Amino acid sequence: MPEPKDLRELGRRLDEARGRDQGRKVQSPPTFFGVAFRFSTELVLALAVGAAMGWGLDWLFGTRPVFIVLMSLFGAAAGMRNVMRAAREMNAEATRGPVPPSLTDDED
């Protein structure tokens, strides 16, 4: 059975290793083009999936424009919902980041 002293030493070493890993996980904020690409991808793919499902249902049931229009509208709504959720996630990440120095702080 390990000695308590050995376990404390192991715990200290594990804490040090975790502290080093935390420093590596810092990510830079997303760029404008990265955000625009993510939002456009969320919207376009949801719309395309909805239209494809509508086309498949129209083909299956023999009702040409009904389901493709309906599912395209559902896809557009889902895409807008995904964009709003992605924006909310990005805002939450931005507010969790380090606090920038205030403009009134003196650098003395």
PDB file of N, CA and C in Angstrom:
ATOM      1  N   MET A   1       0.851  -1.181   0.000  1.00  0.00           N
ATOM      2  CA  MET A   1       0.000   0.000   0.000  1.00  0.00           C
ATOM      3  C   MET A   1       0.896   1.244   0.000  1.00  0.00           C
ATOM      4  N   PRO A   2       0.573   2.251  -0.868  1.00  0.00           N
ATOM      5  CA  PRO A   2       1.417   3.441  -0.935  1.00  0.00           C
ATOM      6  C   PRO A   2       1.343   4.250   0.352  1.00  0.00           C
ATOM      7  N   GLU A   3       2.423   4.881   0.645  1.00  0.00           N
ATOM      8  CA  GLU A   3       2.511   5.742   1.820  1.00  0.00           C
ATOM      9  C   GLU A   3       1.765   7.063   1.557  1.00  0.00           C
ATOM     10  N   PRO A   4       1.197   7.687   2.603  1.00  0.00           N
ATOM     11  CA  PRO A   4       0.506   8.970   2.409  1.00  0.00           C
ATOM     12  C   PRO A   4       1.422  10.040   1.820  1.00  0.00           C
ATOM     13  N   LYS A   5       2.691  10.000   2.173  1.00  0.00           N
ATOM     14  CA  LYS A   5       3.642  10.978   1.645  1.00  0.00           C
ATOM     15  C   LYS A   5       3.770  10.813   0.124  1.00  0.00           C
ATOM     16  N   ASP A   6       3.828   9.555  -0.334  1.00  0.00           N
ATOM     17  CA  ASP A   6       3.925   9.301  -1.775  1.00  0.00           C
ATOM     18  C   ASP A   6       2.661   9.761  -2.504  1.00  0.00           C
ATOM     19  N   LEU A   7       1.514   9.549  -1.884  1.00  0.00           N
ATOM     20  CA  LEU A   7       0.261   9.970  -2.509  1.00  0.00           C
ATOM     21  C   LEU A   7       0.169  11.493  -2.598  1.00  0.00           C
ATOM     22  N   ARG A   8       0.640  12.185  -1.558  1.00  0.00           N
ATOM     23  CA  ARG A   8       0.636  13.647  -1.611  1.00  0.00           C
ATOM     24  C   ARG A   8       1.558  14.155  -2.712  1.00  0.00           C
ATOM     25  N   GLU A   9       2.706  13.536  -2.851  1.00  0.00           N
ATOM     26  CA  GLU A   9       3.651  13.919  -3.900  1.00  0.00           C
ATOM     27  C   GLU A   9       3.038  13.677  -5.281  1.00  0.00           C
ATOM     28  N   LEU A  10       2.368  12.540  -5.446  1.00  0.00           N
ATOM     29  CA  LEU A  10       1.705  12.244  -6.715  1.00  0.00           C
ATOM     30  C   LEU A  10       0.608  13.266  -7.002  1.00  0.00           C
ATOM     31  N   GLY A  11      -0.185  13.621  -6.004  1.00  0.00           N
ATOM     32  CA  GLY A  11      -1.231  14.627  -6.167  1.00  0.00           C
ATOM     33  C   GLY A  11      -0.662  15.979  -6.566  1.00  0.00           C
ATOM     34  N   ARG A  12       0.456  16.362  -5.952  1.00  0.00           N
ATOM     35  CA  ARG A  12       1.100  17.633  -6.294  1.00  0.00           C
ATOM     36  C   ARG A  12       1.584  17.624  -7.739  1.00  0.00           C
ATOM     37  N   ARG A  13       2.169  16.530  -8.173  1.00  0.00           N
ATOM     38  CA  ARG A  13       2.666  16.427  -9.546  1.00  0.00           C
ATOM     39  C   ARG A  13       1.516  16.448 -10.551  1.00  0.00           C
ATOM     40  N   LEU A  14       0.405  15.801 -10.190  1.00  0.00           N
ATOM     41  CA  LEU A  14      -0.764  15.826 -11.073  1.00  0.00           C
ATOM     42  C   LEU A  14      -1.331  17.243 -11.190  1.00  0.00           C
ATOM     43  N   ASP A  15      -1.393  17.974 -10.071  1.00  0.00           N
ATOM     44  CA  ASP A  15      -1.874  19.356 -10.109  1.00  0.00           C
ATOM     45  C   ASP A  15      -0.988  20.229 -10.986  1.00  0.00           C
ATOM     46  N   GLU A  16       0.325  20.037 -10.910  1.00  0.00           N
ATOM     47  CA  GLU A  16       1.249  20.803 -11.752  1.00  0.00           C
ATOM     48  C   GLU A  16       1.019  20.491 -13.229  1.00  0.00           C
ATOM     49  N   ALA A  17       0.836  19.204 -13.552  1.00  0.00           N
ATOM     50  CA  ALA A  17       0.611  18.819 -14.944  1.00  0.00           C
ATOM     51  C   ALA A  17      -0.704  19.398 -15.466  1.00  0.00           C
ATOM     52  N   ARG A  18      -1.735  19.395 -14.649  1.00  0.00           N
ATOM     53  CA  ARG A  18      -3.015  19.971 -15.063  1.00  0.00           C
ATOM     54  C   ARG A  18      -2.886  21.473 -15.276  1.00  0.00           C
ATOM     55  N   GLY A  19      -2.114  22.125 -14.444  1.00  0.00           N
ATOM     56  CA  GLY A  19      -1.908  23.560 -14.603  1.00  0.00           C
ATOM     57  C   GLY A  19      -1.202  23.888 -15.904  1.00  0.00           C
ATOM     58  N   ARG A  20      -0.234  23.058 -16.301  1.00  0.00           N
ATOM     59  CA  ARG A  20       0.446  23.275 -17.574  1.00  0.00           C
ATOM     60  C   ARG A  20      -0.502  23.054 -18.739  1.00  0.00           C
ATOM     61  N   ASP A  21      -1.391  22.063 -18.630  1.00  0.00           N
ATOM     62  CA  ASP A  21      -2.347  21.795 -19.705  1.00  0.00           C
ATOM     63  C   ASP A  21      -3.351  22.926 -19.857  1.00  0.00           C
ATOM     64  N   GLN A  22      -3.739  23.572 -18.776  1.00  0.00           N
ATOM     65  CA  GLN A  22      -4.707  24.662 -18.845  1.00  0.00           C
ATOM     66  C   GLN A  22      -4.152  25.824 -19.668  1.00  0.00           C
ATOM     67  N   GLY A  23      -2.859  26.063 -19.586  1.00  0.00           N
ATOM     68  CA  GLY A  23      -2.247  27.144 -20.349  1.00  0.00           C
ATOM     69  C   GLY A  23      -2.271  26.884 -21.843  1.00  0.00           C
ATOM     70  N   ARG A  24      -2.240  25.637 -22.244  1.00  0.00           N
ATOM     71  CA  ARG A  24      -2.234  25.294 -23.661  1.00  0.00           C
ATOM     72  C   ARG A  24      -3.611  25.374 -24.293  1.00  0.00           C
ATOM     73  N   LYS A  25      -4.671  25.312 -23.516  1.00  0.00           N
ATOM     74  CA  LYS A  25      -6.024  25.260 -24.054  1.00  0.00           C
ATOM     75  C   LYS A  25      -6.583  26.626 -24.419  1.00  0.00           C
ATOM     76  N   VAL A  26      -5.827  27.674 -24.270  1.00  0.00           N
ATOM     77  CA  VAL A  26      -6.300  29.017 -24.598  1.00  0.00           C
ATOM     78  C   VAL A  26      -6.367  29.136 -26.121  1.00  0.00           C
ATOM     79  N   GLN A  27      -7.544  29.485 -26.631  1.00  0.00           N
ATOM     80  CA  GLN A  27      -7.740  29.633 -28.066  1.00  0.00           C
ATOM     81  C   GLN A  27      -7.906  31.098 -28.408  1.00  0.00           C
ATOM     82  N   SER A  28      -7.483  31.435 -29.604  1.00  0.00           N
ATOM     83  CA  SER A  28      -7.673  32.811 -30.043  1.00  0.00           C
ATOM     84  C   SER A  28      -9.139  33.003 -30.429  1.00  0.00           C
ATOM     85  N   PRO A  29      -9.636  34.222 -30.329  1.00  0.00           N
ATOM     86  CA  PRO A  29     -11.034  34.469 -30.691  1.00  0.00           C
ATOM     87  C   PRO A  29     -11.237  34.222 -32.188  1.00  0.00           C
ATOM     88  N   PRO A  30     -12.446  33.826 -32.584  1.00  0.00           N
ATOM     89  CA  PRO A  30     -12.693  33.563 -34.007  1.00  0.00           C
ATOM     90  C   PRO A  30     -12.613  34.847 -34.825  1.00  0.00           C
ATOM     91  N   THR A  31     -12.168  34.701 -36.057  1.00  0.00           N
ATOM     92  CA  THR A  31     -12.070  35.850 -36.948  1.00  0.00           C
ATOM     93  C   THR A  31     -13.438  36.148 -37.551  1.00  0.00           C
ATOM     94  N   PHE A  32     -13.549  37.287 -38.195  1.00  0.00           N
ATOM     95  CA  PHE A  32     -14.799  37.673 -38.842  1.00  0.00           C
ATOM     96  C   PHE A  32     -15.198  36.652 -39.901  1.00  0.00           C
ATOM     97  N   PHE A  33     -14.212  36.225 -40.702  1.00  0.00           N
ATOM     98  CA  PHE A  33     -14.518  35.277 -41.771  1.00  0.00           C
ATOM     99  C   PHE A  33     -14.877  33.904 -41.212  1.00  0.00           C
ATOM    100  N   GLY A  34     -14.284  33.526 -40.097  1.00  0.00           N
ATOM    101  CA  GLY A  34     -14.634  32.260 -39.457  1.00  0.00           C
ATOM    102  C   GLY A  34     -16.063  32.259 -38.962  1.00  0.00           C
ATOM    103  N   VAL A  35     -16.470  33.370 -38.356  1.00  0.00           N
ATOM    104  CA  VAL A  35     -17.841  33.494 -37.859  1.00  0.00           C
ATOM    105  C   VAL A  35     -18.821  33.511 -39.033  1.00  0.00           C
ATOM    106  N   ALA A  36     -18.501  34.280 -40.077  1.00  0.00           N
ATOM    107  CA  ALA A  36     -19.384  34.356 -41.249  1.00  0.00           C
ATOM    108  C   ALA A  36     -19.502  32.992 -41.922  1.00  0.00           C
ATOM    109  N   PHE A  37     -18.406  32.255 -42.013  1.00  0.00           N
ATOM    110  CA  PHE A  37     -18.445  30.930 -42.627  1.00  0.00           C
ATOM    111  C   PHE A  37     -19.295  29.976 -41.803  1.00  0.00           C
ATOM    112  N   ARG A  38     -19.152  30.021 -40.485  1.00  0.00           N
ATOM    113  CA  ARG A  38     -19.952  29.129 -39.646  1.00  0.00           C
ATOM    114  C   ARG A  38     -21.432  29.448 -39.768  1.00  0.00           C
ATOM    115  N   PHE A  39     -21.789  30.728 -39.720  1.00  0.00           N
ATOM    116  CA  PHE A  39     -23.194  31.108 -39.815  1.00  0.00           C
ATOM    117  C   PHE A  39     -23.782  30.719 -41.170  1.00  0.00           C
ATOM    118  N   SER A  40     -23.051  30.994 -42.241  1.00  0.00           N
ATOM    119  CA  SER A  40     -23.574  30.658 -43.574  1.00  0.00           C
ATOM    120  C   SER A  40     -23.687  29.149 -43.756  1.00  0.00           C
ATOM    121  N   THR A  41     -22.742  28.408 -43.221  1.00  0.00           N
ATOM    122  CA  THR A  41     -22.811  26.952 -43.316  1.00  0.00           C
ATOM    123  C   THR A  41     -24.018  26.415 -42.566  1.00  0.00           C
ATOM    124  N   GLU A  42     -24.254  26.920 -41.366  1.00  0.00           N
ATOM    125  CA  GLU A  42     -25.410  26.480 -40.583  1.00  0.00           C
ATOM    126  C   GLU A  42     -26.706  26.729 -41.347  1.00  0.00           C
ATOM    127  N   LEU A  43     -26.837  27.903 -41.939  1.00  0.00           N
ATOM    128  CA  LEU A  43     -28.069  28.268 -42.625  1.00  0.00           C
ATOM    129  C   LEU A  43     -28.251  27.491 -43.929  1.00  0.00           C
ATOM    130  N   VAL A  44     -27.216  27.433 -44.746  1.00  0.00           N
ATOM    131  CA  VAL A  44     -27.326  26.791 -46.060  1.00  0.00           C
ATOM    132  C   VAL A  44     -27.533  25.284 -45.932  1.00  0.00           C
ATOM    133  N   LEU A  45     -26.816  24.643 -45.035  1.00  0.00           N
ATOM    134  CA  LEU A  45     -26.971  23.197 -44.899  1.00  0.00           C
ATOM    135  C   LEU A  45     -28.345  22.814 -44.370  1.00  0.00           C
ATOM    136  N   ALA A  46     -28.874  23.562 -43.421  1.00  0.00           N
ATOM    137  CA  ALA A  46     -30.215  23.258 -42.924  1.00  0.00           C
ATOM    138  C   ALA A  46     -31.248  23.427 -44.030  1.00  0.00           C
ATOM    139  N   LEU A  47     -31.101  24.468 -44.828  1.00  0.00           N
ATOM    140  CA  LEU A  47     -32.012  24.689 -45.941  1.00  0.00           C
ATOM    141  C   LEU A  47     -31.891  23.569 -46.975  1.00  0.00           C
ATOM    142  N   ALA A  48     -30.666  23.157 -47.289  1.00  0.00           N
ATOM    143  CA  ALA A  48     -30.449  22.082 -48.268  1.00  0.00           C
ATOM    144  C   ALA A  48     -31.004  20.749 -47.773  1.00  0.00           C
ATOM    145  N   VAL A  49     -30.818  20.449 -46.505  1.00  0.00           N
ATOM    146  CA  VAL A  49     -31.355  19.196 -45.952  1.00  0.00           C
ATOM    147  C   VAL A  49     -32.875  19.217 -45.988  1.00  0.00           C
ATOM    148  N   GLY A  50     -33.488  20.332 -45.633  1.00  0.00           N
ATOM    149  CA  GLY A  50     -34.944  20.441 -45.694  1.00  0.00           C
ATOM    150  C   GLY A  50     -35.460  20.276 -47.107  1.00  0.00           C
ATOM    151  N   ALA A  51     -34.806  20.919 -48.071  1.00  0.00           N
ATOM    152  CA  ALA A  51     -35.242  20.806 -49.465  1.00  0.00           C
ATOM    153  C   ALA A  51     -35.062  19.374 -49.976  1.00  0.00           C
ATOM    154  N   ALA A  52     -33.963  18.730 -49.606  1.00  0.00           N
ATOM    155  CA  ALA A  52     -33.733  17.346 -50.035  1.00  0.00           C
ATOM    156  C   ALA A  52     -34.774  16.399 -49.435  1.00  0.00           C
ATOM    157  N   MET A  53     -35.117  16.613 -48.186  1.00  0.00           N
ATOM    158  CA  MET A  53     -36.161  15.780 -47.572  1.00  0.00           C
ATOM    159  C   MET A  53     -37.507  16.019 -48.263  1.00  0.00           C
ATOM    160  N   GLY A  54     -37.809  17.273 -48.584  1.00  0.00           N
ATOM    161  CA  GLY A  54     -39.046  17.585 -49.295  1.00  0.00           C
ATOM    162  C   GLY A  54     -39.079  16.970 -50.679  1.00  0.00           C
ATOM    163  N   TRP A  55     -37.962  17.010 -51.392  1.00  0.00           N
ATOM    164  CA  TRP A  55     -37.886  16.402 -52.716  1.00  0.00           C
ATOM    165  C   TRP A  55     -38.108  14.895 -52.618  1.00  0.00           C
ATOM    166  N   GLY A  56     -37.499  14.275 -51.594  1.00  0.00           N
ATOM    167  CA  GLY A  56     -37.683  12.842 -51.404  1.00  0.00           C
ATOM    168  C   GLY A  56     -39.127  12.488 -51.084  1.00  0.00           C
ATOM    169  N   LEU A  57     -39.774  13.272 -50.245  1.00  0.00           N
ATOM    170  CA  LEU A  57     -41.177  13.013 -49.924  1.00  0.00           C
ATOM    171  C   LEU A  57     -42.076  13.247 -51.136  1.00  0.00           C
ATOM    172  N   ASP A  58     -41.782  14.288 -51.918  1.00  0.00           N
ATOM    173  CA  ASP A  58     -42.545  14.514 -53.142  1.00  0.00           C
ATOM    174  C   ASP A  58     -42.385  13.353 -54.119  1.00  0.00           C
ATOM    175  N   TRP A  59     -41.181  12.861 -54.260  1.00  0.00           N
ATOM    176  CA  TRP A  59     -40.925  11.734 -55.152  1.00  0.00           C
ATOM    177  C   TRP A  59     -41.642  10.476 -54.653  1.00  0.00           C
ATOM    178  N   LEU A  60     -41.617  10.274 -53.336  1.00  0.00           N
ATOM    179  CA  LEU A  60     -42.236   9.082 -52.756  1.00  0.00           C
ATOM    180  C   LEU A  60     -43.759   9.101 -52.904  1.00  0.00           C
ATOM    181  N   PHE A  61     -44.379  10.251 -52.659  1.00  0.00           N
ATOM    182  CA  PHE A  61     -45.839  10.330 -52.684  1.00  0.00           C
ATOM    183  C   PHE A  61     -46.402  10.851 -54.011  1.00  0.00           C
ATOM    184  N   GLY A  62     -45.561  11.322 -54.903  1.00  0.00           N
ATOM    185  CA  GLY A  62     -46.025  11.813 -56.193  1.00  0.00           C
ATOM    186  C   GLY A  62     -46.665  13.188 -56.128  1.00  0.00           C
ATOM    187  N   THR A  63     -46.383  13.954 -55.120  1.00  0.00           N
ATOM    188  CA  THR A  63     -46.916  15.314 -54.985  1.00  0.00           C
ATOM    189  C   THR A  63     -45.769  16.286 -55.205  1.00  0.00           C
ATOM    190  N   ARG A  64     -45.646  16.802 -56.417  1.00  0.00           N
ATOM    191  CA  ARG A  64     -44.435  17.540 -56.787  1.00  0.00           C
ATOM    192  C   ARG A  64     -44.083  18.758 -55.928  1.00  0.00           C
ATOM    193  N   PRO A  65     -44.774  19.858 -55.921  1.00  0.00           N
ATOM    194  CA  PRO A  65     -44.187  21.019 -55.243  1.00  0.00           C
ATOM    195  C   PRO A  65     -44.548  21.159 -53.764  1.00  0.00           C
ATOM    196  N   VAL A  66     -45.398  20.291 -53.245  1.00  0.00           N
ATOM    197  CA  VAL A  66     -45.929  20.513 -51.907  1.00  0.00           C
ATOM    198  C   VAL A  66     -44.860  20.348 -50.831  1.00  0.00           C
ATOM    199  N   PHE A  67     -44.268  19.170 -50.755  1.00  0.00           N
ATOM    200  CA  PHE A  67     -43.337  18.891 -49.659  1.00  0.00           C
ATOM    201  C   PHE A  67     -42.010  19.631 -49.810  1.00  0.00           C
ATOM    202  N   ILE A  68     -41.562  19.862 -51.025  1.00  0.00           N
ATOM    203  CA  ILE A  68     -40.282  20.572 -51.178  1.00  0.00           C
ATOM    204  C   ILE A  68     -40.404  22.014 -50.675  1.00  0.00           C
ATOM    205  N   VAL A  69     -41.546  22.646 -50.920  1.00  0.00           N
ATOM    206  CA  VAL A  69     -41.761  24.014 -50.423  1.00  0.00           C
ATOM    207  C   VAL A  69     -41.887  24.002 -48.908  1.00  0.00           C
ATOM    208  N   LEU A  70     -42.703  23.093 -48.403  1.00  0.00           N
ATOM    209  CA  LEU A  70     -42.929  23.021 -46.960  1.00  0.00           C
ATOM    210  C   LEU A  70     -41.638  22.693 -46.199  1.00  0.00           C
ATOM    211  N   MET A  71     -40.909  21.696 -46.661  1.00  0.00           N
ATOM    212  CA  MET A  71     -39.679  21.294 -45.966  1.00  0.00           C
ATOM    213  C   MET A  71     -38.566  22.329 -46.139  1.00  0.00           C
ATOM    214  N   SER A  72     -38.570  23.062 -47.258  1.00  0.00           N
ATOM    215  CA  SER A  72     -37.599  24.152 -47.418  1.00  0.00           C
ATOM    216  C   SER A  72     -37.845  25.248 -46.389  1.00  0.00           C
ATOM    217  N   LEU A  73     -39.121  25.539 -46.132  1.00  0.00           N
ATOM    218  CA  LEU A  73     -39.441  26.537 -45.106  1.00  0.00           C
ATOM    219  C   LEU A  73     -39.012  26.049 -43.723  1.00  0.00           C
ATOM    220  N   PHE A  74     -39.277  24.774 -43.438  1.00  0.00           N
ATOM    221  CA  PHE A  74     -38.820  24.212 -42.159  1.00  0.00           C
ATOM    222  C   PHE A  74     -37.291  24.226 -42.066  1.00  0.00           C
ATOM    223  N   GLY A  75     -36.611  23.935 -43.173  1.00  0.00           N
ATOM    224  CA  GLY A  75     -35.151  23.963 -43.185  1.00  0.00           C
ATOM    225  C   GLY A  75     -34.606  25.367 -42.947  1.00  0.00           C
ATOM    226  N   ALA A  76     -35.259  26.364 -43.557  1.00  0.00           N
ATOM    227  CA  ALA A  76     -34.832  27.757 -43.348  1.00  0.00           C
ATOM    228  C   ALA A  76     -35.024  28.162 -41.889  1.00  0.00           C
ATOM    229  N   ALA A  77     -36.154  27.759 -41.304  1.00  0.00           N
ATOM    230  CA  ALA A  77     -36.392  28.078 -39.892  1.00  0.00           C
ATOM    231  C   ALA A  77     -35.374  27.383 -39.002  1.00  0.00           C
ATOM    232  N   ALA A  78     -35.064  26.133 -39.307  1.00  0.00           N
ATOM    233  CA  ALA A  78     -34.060  25.405 -38.519  1.00  0.00           C
ATOM    234  C   ALA A  78     -32.688  26.045 -38.681  1.00  0.00           C
ATOM    235  N   GLY A  79     -32.370  26.503 -39.890  1.00  0.00           N
ATOM    236  CA  GLY A  79     -31.080  27.161 -40.117  1.00  0.00           C
ATOM    237  C   GLY A  79     -30.951  28.452 -39.326  1.00  0.00           C
ATOM    238  N   MET A  80     -32.018  29.243 -39.287  1.00  0.00           N
ATOM    239  CA  MET A  80     -31.984  30.486 -38.499  1.00  0.00           C
ATOM    240  C   MET A  80     -31.852  30.182 -37.009  1.00  0.00           C
ATOM    241  N   ARG A  81     -32.524  29.128 -36.580  1.00  0.00           N
ATOM    242  CA  ARG A  81     -32.410  28.723 -35.172  1.00  0.00           C
ATOM    243  C   ARG A  81     -30.976  28.288 -34.857  1.00  0.00           C
ATOM    244  N   ASN A  82     -30.359  27.561 -35.783  1.00  0.00           N
ATOM    245  CA  ASN A  82     -28.973  27.133 -35.578  1.00  0.00           C
ATOM    246  C   ASN A  82     -28.014  28.317 -35.540  1.00  0.00           C
ATOM    247  N   VAL A  83     -28.247  29.313 -36.385  1.00  0.00           N
ATOM    248  CA  VAL A  83     -27.394  30.506 -36.392  1.00  0.00           C
ATOM    249  C   VAL A  83     -27.527  31.259 -35.073  1.00  0.00           C
ATOM    250  N   MET A  84     -28.758  31.387 -34.580  1.00  0.00           N
ATOM    251  CA  MET A  84     -28.948  32.080 -33.298  1.00  0.00           C
ATOM    252  C   MET A  84     -28.291  31.309 -32.157  1.00  0.00           C
ATOM    253  N   ARG A  85     -28.374  29.983 -32.180  1.00  0.00           N
ATOM    254  CA  ARG A  85     -27.735  29.173 -31.144  1.00  0.00           C
ATOM    255  C   ARG A  85     -26.208  29.299 -31.221  1.00  0.00           C
ATOM    256  N   ALA A  86     -25.656  29.291 -32.436  1.00  0.00           N
ATOM    257  CA  ALA A  86     -24.210  29.440 -32.596  1.00  0.00           C
ATOM    258  C   ALA A  86     -23.753  30.814 -32.105  1.00  0.00           C
ATOM    259  N   ALA A  87     -24.537  31.853 -32.393  1.00  0.00           N
ATOM    260  CA  ALA A  87     -24.184  33.197 -31.923  1.00  0.00           C
ATOM    261  C   ALA A  87     -24.222  33.263 -30.401  1.00  0.00           C
ATOM    262  N   ARG A  88     -25.218  32.613 -29.803  1.00  0.00           N
ATOM    263  CA  ARG A  88     -25.315  32.587 -28.345  1.00  0.00           C
ATOM    264  C   ARG A  88     -24.098  31.876 -27.738  1.00  0.00           C
ATOM    265  N   GLU A  89     -23.684  30.756 -28.354  1.00  0.00           N
ATOM    266  CA  GLU A  89     -22.501  30.032 -27.866  1.00  0.00           C
ATOM    267  C   GLU A  89     -21.249  30.881 -27.971  1.00  0.00           C
ATOM    268  N   MET A  90     -21.095  31.584 -29.095  1.00  0.00           N
ATOM    269  CA  MET A  90     -19.910  32.427 -29.277  1.00  0.00           C
ATOM    270  C   MET A  90     -19.903  33.582 -28.283  1.00  0.00           C
ATOM    271  N   ASN A  91     -21.056  34.168 -28.015  1.00  0.00           N
ATOM    272  CA  ASN A  91     -21.125  35.237 -27.014  1.00  0.00           C
ATOM    273  C   ASN A  91     -20.780  34.718 -25.631  1.00  0.00           C
ATOM    274  N   ALA A  92     -21.250  33.527 -25.297  1.00  0.00           N
ATOM    275  CA  ALA A  92     -20.944  32.947 -23.995  1.00  0.00           C
ATOM    276  C   ALA A  92     -19.450  32.679 -23.863  1.00  0.00           C
ATOM    277  N   GLU A  93     -18.817  32.188 -24.934  1.00  0.00           N
ATOM    278  CA  GLU A  93     -17.378  31.954 -24.896  1.00  0.00           C
ATOM    279  C   GLU A  93     -16.605  33.254 -24.772  1.00  0.00           C
ATOM    280  N   ALA A  94     -17.087  34.289 -25.446  1.00  0.00           N
ATOM    281  CA  ALA A  94     -16.391  35.583 -25.411  1.00  0.00           C
ATOM    282  C   ALA A  94     -16.466  36.205 -24.026  1.00  0.00           C
ATOM    283  N   THR A  95     -17.580  36.030 -23.331  1.00  0.00           N
ATOM    284  CA  THR A  95     -17.704  36.620 -22.006  1.00  0.00           C
ATOM    285  C   THR A  95     -16.950  35.827 -20.952  1.00  0.00           C
ATOM    286  N   ARG A  96     -16.656  34.557 -21.213  1.00  0.00           N
ATOM    287  CA  ARG A  96     -15.879  33.762 -20.265  1.00  0.00           C
ATOM    288  C   ARG A  96     -14.384  34.021 -20.370  1.00  0.00           C
ATOM    289  N   GLY A  97     -13.958  34.684 -21.427  1.00  0.00           N
ATOM    290  CA  GLY A  97     -12.542  34.913 -21.656  1.00  0.00           C
ATOM    291  C   GLY A  97     -11.942  35.842 -20.628  1.00  0.00           C
ATOM    292  N   PRO A  98     -10.636  36.112 -20.754  1.00  0.00           N
ATOM    293  CA  PRO A  98      -9.985  37.017 -19.804  1.00  0.00           C
ATOM    294  C   PRO A  98     -10.528  38.431 -19.942  1.00  0.00           C
ATOM    295  N   VAL A  99     -10.583  39.119 -18.840  1.00  0.00           N
ATOM    296  CA  VAL A  99     -11.099  40.480 -18.818  1.00  0.00           C
ATOM    297  C   VAL A  99     -10.017  41.411 -19.344  1.00  0.00           C
ATOM    298  N   PRO A 100     -10.320  42.220 -20.371  1.00  0.00           N
ATOM    299  CA  PRO A 100      -9.315  43.142 -20.892  1.00  0.00           C
ATOM    300  C   PRO A 100      -9.045  44.252 -19.891  1.00  0.00           C
ATOM    301  N   PRO A 101      -7.860  44.816 -19.904  1.00  0.00           N
ATOM    302  CA  PRO A 101      -7.560  45.900 -18.968  1.00  0.00           C
ATOM    303  C   PRO A 101      -8.415  47.121 -19.280  1.00  0.00           C
ATOM    304  N   SER A 102      -8.774  47.821 -18.240  1.00  0.00           N
ATOM    305  CA  SER A 102      -9.615  48.995 -18.388  1.00  0.00           C
ATOM    306  C   SER A 102      -8.797  50.130 -18.985  1.00  0.00           C
ATOM    307  N   LEU A 103      -9.464  51.024 -19.688  1.00  0.00           N
ATOM    308  CA  LEU A 103      -8.768  52.169 -20.286  1.00  0.00           C
ATOM    309  C   LEU A 103      -8.346  53.177 -19.229  1.00  0.00           C
ATOM    310  N   THR A 104      -8.949  53.141 -18.058  1.00  0.00           N
ATOM    311  CA  THR A 104      -8.621  54.102 -17.022  1.00  0.00           C
ATOM    312  C   THR A 104      -7.489  53.611 -16.097  1.00  0.00           C
ATOM    313  N   ASP A 105      -7.049  52.366 -16.249  1.00  0.00           N
ATOM    314  CA  ASP A 105      -5.984  51.850 -15.405  1.00  0.00           C
ATOM    315  C   ASP A 105      -4.667  52.548 -15.743  1.00  0.00           C
ATOM    316  N   ASP A 106      -3.970  52.943 -14.703  1.00  0.00           N
ATOM    317  CA  ASP A 106      -2.644  53.530 -14.895  1.00  0.00           C
ATOM    318  C   ASP A 106      -1.608  52.414 -14.967  1.00  0.00           C
ATOM    319  N   GLU A 107      -0.611  52.636 -15.783  1.00  0.00           N
ATOM    320  CA  GLU A 107       0.433  51.618 -15.925  1.00  0.00           C
ATOM    321  C   GLU A 107       1.665  52.032 -15.137  1.00  0.00           C
ATOM    322  N   ASP A 108       1.494  52.551 -13.960  1.00  0.00           N
ATOM    323  CA  ASP A 108       2.622  52.969 -13.110  1.00  0.00           C
ATOM    324  C   ASP A 108       3.196  51.806 -12.385  1.00  0.00           C
TER     325      ASP A 108
END
